[in-house]
Amino acid sequence: MTGLDQVDGRSVLRMERRIAHPVERVWRAITEPAGLAAWFPSPVTIELRPGGRVDYGDGPDGAVTALDPPRLIAFTWDTDHLRFELEPDGDATLLRLVHTFDDHGGAASFAAGWHACLDGLGALLDGDAVVDPGAFDHAATHEHYFAEFGLDEPVVTDGPDGWQVQVQRQLVRPVEEVAPKLPADGDGVRWELGEGTGHGARLVVTWSGGDAAACEAARADLLRRVRELVAALA
């Protein structure tokens, strides 16, 4: 089960997995260095106490914000916040991950990344070979979550000089692969590329116009153009 909400101006990603192992075993895998090294998306060492240090190696340290072994651990990662809840389900465990962040456009990338990481956690506990989440092909999973979350919905704004329609689209290809296929600016449409979340570029397309009657047609046409570009990159 996966969901995406907006709470107090921030994005909140919720994922739930049923893991066929008892809570105590899952707890060790999500808190101890040997377990974390196999599936967590970054090198990390967690000091298991309220306010304890979370060491990400090269990145800024985080801090433990909540701790109730073996049911709950929450901590910061830069400006993001991660919360892992464990609930017994017979001989198995329901794991709930809550990831709070600011970059709403990157939600599908975060979801695809955690999908791969939780697959790795399950493989670790099952005794199977764990695939490095960094080597996981996120494209299909990313697009699944992108559609599920409705992240390509155009944003329409009105101003003194007319309307503006904008689509922001996280891509799964890097800037250097996308740039040669980007349409040229023109007729009020501007195409921009920047670094996005994960390994892909962030596309921002803006269409500005003054005729109010043309706004809805521009919205639909812009969405079609962006989707055609994404299909061409697949």
Protein backbone atom coordinates (compact mmCIF):
# COMPACT_ATOMS: atom_id res chain seq x y z
CA MET A 1 0.00 0.00 0.00
CA THR A 2 1.35 3.40 -0.99
CA GLY A 3 -0.03 6.91 -0.67
CA LEU A 4 1.04 10.53 -1.10
CA ASP A 5 -0.43 13.44 0.88
CA GLN A 6 0.29 17.10 1.56
CA VAL A 7 0.55 18.04 5.24
CA ASP A 8 1.42 21.58 6.40
CA GLY A 9 2.91 22.41 3.01
CA ARG A 10 5.13 19.32 2.87
CA SER A 11 4.77 16.07 0.96
CA VAL A 12 4.23 12.87 2.93
CA LEU A 13 4.88 9.51 1.28
CA ARG A 14 3.44 6.44 3.04
CA MET A 15 4.41 2.88 2.16
CA GLU A 16 3.37 -0.36 3.84
CA ARG A 17 4.88 -3.83 3.41
CA ARG A 18 4.02 -7.16 5.00
CA ILE A 19 7.29 -8.92 5.79
CA ALA A 20 7.16 -12.62 6.60
CA HIS A 21 9.40 -12.37 9.66
CA PRO A 22 8.79 -11.45 13.32
CA VAL A 23 9.06 -7.87 14.55
CA GLU A 24 12.27 -8.44 16.52
CA ARG A 25 14.11 -9.69 13.44
CA VAL A 26 12.87 -6.85 11.24
CA TRP A 27 13.82 -4.35 13.95
CA ARG A 28 17.41 -5.53 13.94
CA ALA A 29 17.55 -5.25 10.16
CA ILE A 30 16.34 -1.61 10.19
CA THR A 31 18.48 -0.40 13.10
CA GLU A 32 21.75 -2.36 13.22
CA PRO A 33 24.69 -1.47 10.95
CA ALA A 34 25.00 -4.91 9.33
CA GLY A 35 21.35 -4.93 8.33
CA LEU A 36 21.18 -1.30 7.21
CA ALA A 37 24.26 -1.71 5.01
CA ALA A 38 22.40 -4.28 2.91
CA TRP A 39 19.29 -2.27 1.99
CA PHE A 40 19.28 1.36 3.19
CA PRO A 41 19.91 3.85 0.33
CA SER A 42 22.90 5.50 2.02
CA PRO A 43 25.67 4.47 4.39
CA VAL A 44 24.20 5.13 7.82
CA THR A 45 24.92 4.47 11.49
CA ILE A 46 22.20 5.19 14.04
CA GLU A 47 22.82 5.93 17.70
CA LEU A 48 19.81 4.21 19.27
CA ARG A 49 18.65 6.76 21.82
CA PRO A 50 16.26 9.73 21.66
CA GLY A 51 18.21 12.60 20.11
CA GLY A 52 20.93 10.17 19.04
CA ARG A 53 23.21 10.94 16.14
CA VAL A 54 22.45 9.54 12.69
CA ASP A 55 25.72 9.45 10.75
CA TYR A 56 25.39 9.44 6.94
CA GLY A 57 29.09 9.45 6.24
CA ASP A 58 29.68 12.27 3.74
CA GLY A 59 26.36 14.02 4.31
CA PRO A 60 25.15 16.13 7.23
CA ASP A 61 24.24 14.22 10.39
CA GLY A 62 20.63 13.54 11.31
CA ALA A 63 19.06 12.95 14.70
CA VAL A 64 16.73 10.35 16.20
CA THR A 65 13.36 12.05 16.81
CA ALA A 66 11.38 9.08 18.17
CA LEU A 67 12.37 5.66 19.50
CA ASP A 68 10.25 2.83 20.93
CA PRO A 69 12.07 -0.50 20.38
CA PRO A 70 11.10 -2.71 18.65
CA ARG A 71 8.09 -0.87 17.24
CA LEU A 72 9.17 2.62 16.17
CA ILE A 73 12.17 4.61 15.05
CA ALA A 74 12.14 8.03 13.39
CA PHE A 75 15.00 10.30 12.39
CA THR A 76 15.96 13.21 10.17
CA TRP A 77 17.92 13.04 6.91
CA ASP A 78 18.97 16.57 5.96
CA THR A 79 15.59 18.38 5.71
CA ASP A 80 13.64 15.12 5.27
CA HIS A 81 12.10 13.01 8.03
CA LEU A 82 11.82 9.21 8.06
CA ARG A 83 9.57 7.16 10.31
CA PHE A 84 9.52 3.35 10.47
CA GLU A 85 6.71 1.65 12.36
CA LEU A 86 6.54 -2.13 12.97
CA GLU A 87 3.34 -3.96 13.91
CA PRO A 88 3.03 -7.71 14.54
CA ASP A 89 0.81 -9.52 12.05
CA GLY A 90 0.69 -13.13 13.18
CA ASP A 91 4.17 -14.51 12.61
CA ALA A 92 4.90 -11.63 10.23
CA THR A 93 5.38 -7.86 10.49
CA LEU A 94 3.60 -4.89 8.94
CA LEU A 95 6.25 -2.28 8.21
CA ARG A 96 5.03 1.27 7.63
CA LEU A 97 7.41 3.86 6.22
CA VAL A 98 6.50 7.56 6.36
CA HIS A 99 8.82 9.89 4.45
CA THR A 100 8.22 13.64 4.77
CA PHE A 101 9.96 15.96 2.31
CA ASP A 102 9.70 19.26 0.41
CA ASP A 103 10.31 18.27 -3.22
CA HIS A 104 6.80 17.23 -4.30
CA GLY A 105 7.93 16.73 -7.90
CA GLY A 106 10.37 14.08 -6.74
CA ALA A 107 7.74 11.94 -5.01
CA ALA A 108 7.74 9.18 -7.65
CA SER A 109 11.53 8.96 -7.48
CA PHE A 110 11.41 8.63 -3.70
CA ALA A 111 8.68 5.99 -3.95
CA ALA A 112 10.57 3.99 -6.58
CA GLY A 113 13.74 4.19 -4.53
CA TRP A 114 12.06 3.00 -1.34
CA HIS A 115 10.30 0.27 -3.31
CA ALA A 116 13.71 -1.10 -4.30
CA CYS A 117 15.09 -0.67 -0.78
CA LEU A 118 12.19 -2.52 0.83
CA ASP A 119 12.61 -5.29 -1.75
CA GLY A 120 16.20 -5.47 -0.55
CA LEU A 121 15.13 -5.59 3.08
CA GLY A 122 12.81 -8.48 2.32
CA ALA A 123 15.53 -10.32 0.41
CA LEU A 124 17.97 -9.83 3.30
CA LEU A 125 15.54 -11.31 5.80
CA ASP A 126 14.64 -14.18 3.45
CA GLY A 127 18.32 -15.04 3.03
CA ASP A 128 18.30 -14.20 -0.69
CA ALA A 129 20.88 -12.19 -2.61
CA VAL A 130 20.30 -8.47 -2.11
CA VAL A 131 20.50 -6.27 -5.20
CA ASP A 132 22.17 -2.90 -4.63
CA PRO A 133 19.30 -0.36 -4.75
CA GLY A 134 21.58 1.91 -6.78
CA ALA A 135 21.72 -0.73 -9.53
CA PHE A 136 17.94 -1.12 -9.66
CA ASP A 137 16.21 -0.06 -12.91
CA HIS A 138 13.76 2.48 -11.49
CA ALA A 139 12.14 3.48 -14.80
CA ALA A 140 9.03 1.28 -14.81
CA THR A 141 8.46 1.62 -11.06
CA HIS A 142 8.96 5.39 -11.24
CA GLU A 143 6.39 5.73 -14.01
CA HIS A 144 3.94 3.55 -12.09
CA TYR A 145 4.11 5.81 -9.05
CA PHE A 146 4.14 8.95 -11.20
CA ALA A 147 0.80 7.94 -12.72
CA GLU A 148 -0.62 6.77 -9.38
CA PHE A 149 0.20 10.10 -7.72
CA GLY A 150 -1.00 12.22 -10.67
CA LEU A 151 2.20 14.22 -10.68
CA ASP A 152 1.97 15.54 -14.24
CA GLU A 153 -1.22 17.51 -13.64
CA PRO A 154 -0.64 20.98 -15.16
CA VAL A 155 -0.75 24.01 -12.86
CA VAL A 156 -2.72 26.96 -14.24
CA THR A 157 -2.23 30.48 -12.88
CA ASP A 158 -3.75 33.81 -13.88
CA GLY A 159 -1.92 37.11 -13.83
CA PRO A 160 -2.29 40.69 -15.07
CA ASP A 161 -0.82 39.73 -18.45
CA GLY A 162 -2.86 36.56 -18.96
CA TRP A 163 -2.64 32.89 -18.03
CA GLN A 164 0.25 30.52 -17.55
CA VAL A 165 0.17 26.72 -17.73
CA GLN A 166 3.13 24.83 -16.29
CA VAL A 167 4.05 21.15 -16.12
CA GLN A 168 6.92 19.94 -13.94
CA ARG A 169 8.06 16.44 -14.78
CA GLN A 170 10.72 14.37 -13.03
CA LEU A 171 12.42 12.17 -15.63
CA VAL A 172 14.39 8.95 -15.31
CA ARG A 173 17.02 9.95 -17.90
CA PRO A 174 19.91 12.36 -17.20
CA VAL A 175 20.06 15.86 -18.65
CA GLU A 176 22.59 14.93 -21.34
CA GLU A 177 20.25 12.26 -22.74
CA VAL A 178 17.13 14.43 -22.64
CA ALA A 179 18.55 17.71 -23.98
CA PRO A 180 18.97 16.60 -27.65
CA LYS A 181 15.30 15.57 -27.80
CA LEU A 182 13.91 18.69 -26.19
CA PRO A 183 11.62 20.76 -28.48
CA ALA A 184 12.62 24.32 -29.26
CA ASP A 185 10.99 27.23 -27.44
CA GLY A 186 8.36 29.13 -29.36
CA ASP A 187 4.76 30.39 -29.54
CA GLY A 188 4.72 31.14 -25.84
CA VAL A 189 6.11 27.74 -24.79
CA ARG A 190 9.38 27.47 -22.88
CA TRP A 191 11.19 24.15 -22.22
CA GLU A 192 13.72 24.00 -19.37
CA LEU A 193 15.88 21.21 -17.95
CA GLY A 194 17.64 21.00 -14.60
CA GLU A 195 19.02 18.38 -12.24
CA GLY A 196 16.23 16.48 -10.56
CA THR A 197 15.76 13.96 -7.80
CA GLY A 198 17.69 10.71 -8.13
CA HIS A 199 19.44 10.09 -11.44
CA GLY A 200 17.11 11.97 -13.79
CA ALA A 201 16.55 15.46 -15.10
CA ARG A 202 13.73 17.74 -13.96
CA LEU A 203 11.69 19.12 -16.87
CA VAL A 204 9.74 22.35 -16.50
CA VAL A 205 7.52 23.42 -19.42
CA THR A 206 5.65 26.73 -19.30
CA TRP A 207 3.07 28.05 -21.76
CA SER A 208 1.97 31.67 -21.40
CA GLY A 209 -0.89 33.38 -23.23
CA GLY A 210 -3.35 36.24 -23.02
CA ASP A 211 -6.50 34.80 -24.60
CA ALA A 212 -8.57 33.30 -21.78
CA ALA A 213 -10.55 31.15 -24.21
CA ALA A 214 -7.36 29.35 -25.30
CA CYS A 215 -6.17 28.39 -21.81
CA GLU A 216 -7.90 25.00 -21.51
CA ALA A 217 -6.79 23.93 -24.99
CA ALA A 218 -3.22 24.96 -24.13
CA ARG A 219 -3.37 22.93 -20.92
CA ALA A 220 -4.40 19.76 -22.76
CA ASP A 221 -1.92 20.33 -25.58
CA LEU A 222 0.98 20.97 -23.24
CA LEU A 223 0.26 17.78 -21.30
CA ARG A 224 0.14 15.85 -24.60
CA ARG A 225 3.50 17.28 -25.71
CA VAL A 226 5.18 16.38 -22.41
CA ARG A 227 3.81 12.84 -22.52
CA GLU A 228 5.03 12.41 -26.09
CA LEU A 229 8.51 13.50 -25.04
CA VAL A 230 8.52 11.06 -22.11
CA ALA A 231 7.40 8.25 -24.46
CA ALA A 232 10.23 9.10 -26.87
CA LEU A 233 12.75 8.84 -24.00
CA ALA A 234 11.56 5.37 -22.94
